């Protein structure tokens, strides 16, 4: 259980950092913010992909990384639109 949470936090940090590089948004913060953006992205991406009929976040693999990245980018775009 603890290992899963640590892996999720590390994946979230990478996804959040990459999403923040691809979609500049007025989100300030460091590693904690990246982890939060990555985790929210995984949840949002999973909902989006399941709604479209695909698989959502399935674990530690390339597909889940892609799902989380798309979700994080959508989250940052929504955040940027609402913060203006």
Protein backbone atom coordinates (compact mmCIF):
# COMPACT_ATOMS: atom_id res chain seq x y z
CA UNK A 1 0.00 0.00 0.00
CA UNK A 2 2.73 2.47 0.95
CA UNK A 3 4.74 1.53 -2.13
CA UNK A 4 1.73 2.22 -4.35
CA UNK A 5 1.29 5.67 -2.82
CA UNK A 6 4.97 6.49 -3.29
CA UNK A 7 4.89 5.36 -6.93
CA UNK A 8 1.70 7.37 -7.50
CA UNK A 9 3.34 10.47 -6.00
CA UNK A 10 6.44 10.05 -8.18
CA UNK A 11 4.32 9.51 -11.32
CA UNK A 12 2.19 12.51 -10.32
CA UNK A 13 5.27 14.69 -9.95
CA UNK A 14 6.53 13.78 -13.42
CA UNK A 15 3.11 14.18 -15.04
CA UNK A 16 2.43 17.47 -13.26
CA UNK A 17 5.81 18.91 -14.18
CA UNK A 18 5.46 17.90 -17.83
CA UNK A 19 1.91 19.25 -18.02
CA UNK A 20 3.01 22.55 -16.49
CA UNK A 21 5.74 22.81 -19.14
CA UNK A 22 3.32 22.06 -22.00
CA UNK A 23 0.45 24.25 -20.73
CA UNK A 24 1.75 27.34 -18.98
CA UNK A 25 -0.78 28.31 -16.35
CA UNK A 26 -0.76 30.71 -13.42
CA UNK A 27 -0.17 27.86 -10.96
CA UNK A 28 2.64 28.63 -8.57
CA UNK A 29 4.40 26.05 -6.48
CA UNK A 30 6.96 23.32 -6.54
CA UNK A 31 7.00 19.56 -6.31
CA UNK A 32 3.88 19.39 -4.13
CA UNK A 33 1.93 21.35 -6.71
CA UNK A 34 3.24 19.09 -9.48
CA UNK A 35 2.11 16.02 -7.54
CA UNK A 36 -1.35 17.55 -6.99
CA UNK A 37 -1.69 18.47 -10.67
CA UNK A 38 -0.58 14.96 -11.66
CA UNK A 39 -3.02 13.22 -9.31
CA UNK A 40 -5.91 15.47 -10.37
CA UNK A 41 -4.88 14.84 -13.97
CA UNK A 42 -4.99 11.08 -13.46
CA UNK A 43 -8.49 11.31 -12.01
CA UNK A 44 -9.77 13.73 -14.63
CA UNK A 45 -8.08 11.86 -17.49
CA UNK A 46 -9.56 8.59 -16.28
CA UNK A 47 -13.05 10.11 -16.27
CA UNK A 48 -12.56 11.60 -19.75
CA UNK A 49 -11.21 8.40 -21.32
CA UNK A 50 -13.86 6.19 -19.70
CA UNK A 51 -16.55 8.58 -20.92
CA UNK A 52 -15.14 8.21 -24.44
CA UNK A 53 -15.25 4.41 -24.10
CA UNK A 54 -11.58 3.74 -23.46
CA UNK A 55 -9.60 2.57 -20.49
CA UNK A 56 -8.77 5.05 -17.79
CA UNK A 57 -5.85 5.01 -15.39
CA UNK A 58 -4.80 1.35 -15.14
CA UNK A 59 -1.62 1.42 -13.07
CA UNK A 60 2.03 2.14 -13.62
CA UNK A 61 2.37 1.93 -17.41
CA UNK A 62 2.72 4.16 -20.46
CA UNK A 63 -1.03 4.31 -21.12
CA UNK A 64 -1.73 5.56 -17.59
CA UNK A 65 1.02 8.16 -17.97
CA UNK A 66 -0.67 9.38 -21.17
CA UNK A 67 -4.12 9.43 -19.52
CA UNK A 68 -2.78 11.37 -16.55
CA UNK A 69 -0.92 13.82 -18.80
CA UNK A 70 -4.01 14.54 -20.91
CA UNK A 71 -6.08 15.00 -17.75
CA UNK A 72 -3.49 17.29 -16.18
CA UNK A 73 -3.32 19.40 -19.34
CA UNK A 74 -7.13 19.69 -19.43
CA UNK A 75 -7.11 20.64 -15.74
CA UNK A 76 -4.50 23.36 -16.33
CA UNK A 77 -6.40 24.72 -19.35
CA UNK A 78 -9.60 24.92 -17.27
CA UNK A 79 -7.69 26.55 -14.40
CA UNK A 80 -6.13 29.09 -16.77
CA UNK A 81 -9.52 29.93 -18.34
CA UNK A 82 -11.21 30.40 -14.96
CA UNK A 83 -8.41 32.45 -13.42
CA UNK A 84 -8.55 35.23 -16.05
